[in-house]
Amino acid sequence: MYKRQSFYSPGQFSNIYPSLTTSECKGTLNFAGEVCSLRHGWIVGALNSAYHSVMNILKLEKKEELIEKMKEIWGDENFHT
């Protein structure tokens, strides 16, 4: 079985992480995946970053009812940190 995950060089993660987790293009471009998480290399990292990206988009679009529904189903933004 072949597993693909991110590997960072020493010091690289702390330099890249802020850029990976910041929305671009006025909030319309968000990146997700385990590489964009504090838990890179784990599926929970991919889930956390996907949650974060979806919440960014919902907040940008002012979809309060969907934000509340997402929080009800998945919990707050730090649901697996």
C-alpha atoms as a PDB file:
ATOM      1  CA  MET A   1       0.000   0.000   0.000  1.00  0.00           C
ATOM      2  CA  TYR A   2       1.338   3.423  -0.959  1.00  0.00           C
ATOM      3  CA  LYS A   3       0.625   6.336   1.346  1.00  0.00           C
ATOM      4  CA  ARG A   4       1.056   9.917   0.237  1.00  0.00           C
ATOM      5  CA  GLN A   5       1.431  12.699   2.794  1.00  0.00           C
ATOM      6  CA  SER A   6       3.294  15.933   3.255  1.00  0.00           C
ATOM      7  CA  PHE A   7       6.792  16.087   4.656  1.00  0.00           C
ATOM      8  CA  TYR A   8       8.352  19.377   5.623  1.00  0.00           C
ATOM      9  CA  SER A   9      11.994  20.247   6.032  1.00  0.00           C
ATOM     10  CA  PRO A  10      13.076  21.699   9.389  1.00  0.00           C
ATOM     11  CA  GLY A  11      11.522  25.157   9.800  1.00  0.00           C
ATOM     12  CA  GLN A  12       9.580  24.909   6.542  1.00  0.00           C
ATOM     13  CA  PHE A  13       6.188  24.205   8.108  1.00  0.00           C
ATOM     14  CA  SER A  14       6.237  27.305  10.316  1.00  0.00           C
ATOM     15  CA  ASN A  15       7.050  29.436   7.260  1.00  0.00           C
ATOM     16  CA  ILE A  16       4.459  27.891   4.922  1.00  0.00           C
ATOM     17  CA  TYR A  17       1.530  27.143   7.257  1.00  0.00           C
ATOM     18  CA  PRO A  18       0.198  30.726   7.571  1.00  0.00           C
ATOM     19  CA  SER A  19       0.044  31.062   3.776  1.00  0.00           C
ATOM     20  CA  LEU A  20      -1.738  27.734   3.345  1.00  0.00           C
ATOM     21  CA  THR A  21      -4.452  28.597   5.855  1.00  0.00           C
ATOM     22  CA  THR A  22      -5.154  32.148   4.692  1.00  0.00           C
ATOM     23  CA  SER A  23      -7.982  32.686   2.207  1.00  0.00           C
ATOM     24  CA  GLU A  24      -6.998  34.406  -1.024  1.00  0.00           C
ATOM     25  CA  CYS A  25      -8.892  36.298  -3.748  1.00  0.00           C
ATOM     26  CA  LYS A  26     -11.106  38.149  -1.251  1.00  0.00           C
ATOM     27  CA  GLY A  27     -11.905  34.909   0.556  1.00  0.00           C
ATOM     28  CA  THR A  28     -13.065  32.961  -2.477  1.00  0.00           C
ATOM     29  CA  LEU A  29      -9.979  30.736  -2.723  1.00  0.00           C
ATOM     30  CA  ASN A  30      -9.328  28.347   0.146  1.00  0.00           C
ATOM     31  CA  PHE A  31      -6.958  25.402   0.252  1.00  0.00           C
ATOM     32  CA  ALA A  32      -7.739  22.206   2.149  1.00  0.00           C
ATOM     33  CA  GLY A  33      -6.018  18.900   2.823  1.00  0.00           C
ATOM     34  CA  GLU A  34      -3.769  17.423   5.446  1.00  0.00           C
ATOM     35  CA  VAL A  35      -0.922  19.615   4.209  1.00  0.00           C
ATOM     36  CA  CYS A  36      -2.952  22.665   5.384  1.00  0.00           C
ATOM     37  CA  SER A  37      -3.328  21.422   8.945  1.00  0.00           C
ATOM     38  CA  LEU A  38      -1.388  21.311  12.172  1.00  0.00           C
ATOM     39  CA  ARG A  39      -2.014  17.570  11.967  1.00  0.00           C
ATOM     40  CA  HIS A  40      -0.408  17.080   8.567  1.00  0.00           C
ATOM     41  CA  GLY A  41       0.082  13.460   7.644  1.00  0.00           C
ATOM     42  CA  TRP A  42      -3.198  12.397   9.289  1.00  0.00           C
ATOM     43  CA  ILE A  43      -6.758  12.133   7.974  1.00  0.00           C
ATOM     44  CA  VAL A  44      -7.955  14.313  10.856  1.00  0.00           C
ATOM     45  CA  GLY A  45      -5.748  17.062   9.421  1.00  0.00           C
ATOM     46  CA  ALA A  46      -7.568  16.819   6.098  1.00  0.00           C
ATOM     47  CA  LEU A  47     -10.943  16.952   7.869  1.00  0.00           C
ATOM     48  CA  ASN A  48      -9.927  19.943   9.984  1.00  0.00           C
ATOM     49  CA  SER A  49      -8.711  21.925   7.007  1.00  0.00           C
ATOM     50  CA  ALA A  50     -11.820  21.070   4.979  1.00  0.00           C
ATOM     51  CA  TYR A  51     -14.002  22.263   7.862  1.00  0.00           C
ATOM     52  CA  HIS A  52     -11.995  25.480   8.110  1.00  0.00           C
ATOM     53  CA  SER A  53     -12.272  26.134   4.357  1.00  0.00           C
ATOM     54  CA  VAL A  54     -16.021  25.489   4.264  1.00  0.00           C
ATOM     55  CA  MET A  55     -16.556  27.768   7.273  1.00  0.00           C
ATOM     56  CA  ASN A  56     -14.542  30.530   5.581  1.00  0.00           C
ATOM     57  CA  ILE A  57     -16.761  30.317   2.504  1.00  0.00           C
ATOM     58  CA  LEU A  58     -19.998  30.205   4.511  1.00  0.00           C
ATOM     59  CA  LYS A  59     -18.918  33.243   6.533  1.00  0.00           C
ATOM     60  CA  LEU A  60     -17.972  35.123   3.361  1.00  0.00           C
ATOM     61  CA  GLU A  61     -21.387  34.357   1.870  1.00  0.00           C
ATOM     62  CA  LYS A  62     -23.112  35.218   5.187  1.00  0.00           C
ATOM     63  CA  LYS A  63     -24.884  31.850   5.306  1.00  0.00           C
ATOM     64  CA  GLU A  64     -25.683  31.982   9.014  1.00  0.00           C
ATOM     65  CA  GLU A  65     -28.207  29.128   8.942  1.00  0.00           C
ATOM     66  CA  LEU A  66     -25.697  26.820   7.243  1.00  0.00           C
ATOM     67  CA  ILE A  67     -22.977  27.871   9.672  1.00  0.00           C
ATOM     68  CA  GLU A  68     -25.219  26.961  12.601  1.00  0.00           C
ATOM     69  CA  LYS A  69     -26.190  23.661  10.969  1.00  0.00           C
ATOM     70  CA  MET A  70     -22.539  22.815  10.379  1.00  0.00           C
ATOM     71  CA  LYS A  71     -21.668  23.624  13.989  1.00  0.00           C
ATOM     72  CA  GLU A  72     -24.605  21.507  15.161  1.00  0.00           C
ATOM     73  CA  ILE A  73     -23.444  18.499  13.143  1.00  0.00           C
ATOM     74  CA  TRP A  74     -19.652  18.858  13.362  1.00  0.00           C
ATOM     75  CA  GLY A  75     -19.066  21.078  16.416  1.00  0.00           C
ATOM     76  CA  ASP A  76     -17.056  24.264  16.618  1.00  0.00           C
ATOM     77  CA  GLU A  77     -14.111  25.196  14.381  1.00  0.00           C
ATOM     78  CA  ASN A  78     -11.618  23.355  16.583  1.00  0.00           C
ATOM     79  CA  PHE A  79     -13.471  20.083  16.580  1.00  0.00           C
ATOM     80  CA  HIS A  80     -10.402  17.819  16.451  1.00  0.00           C
ATOM     81  CA  THR A  81      -7.428  19.915  17.502  1.00  0.00           C
END
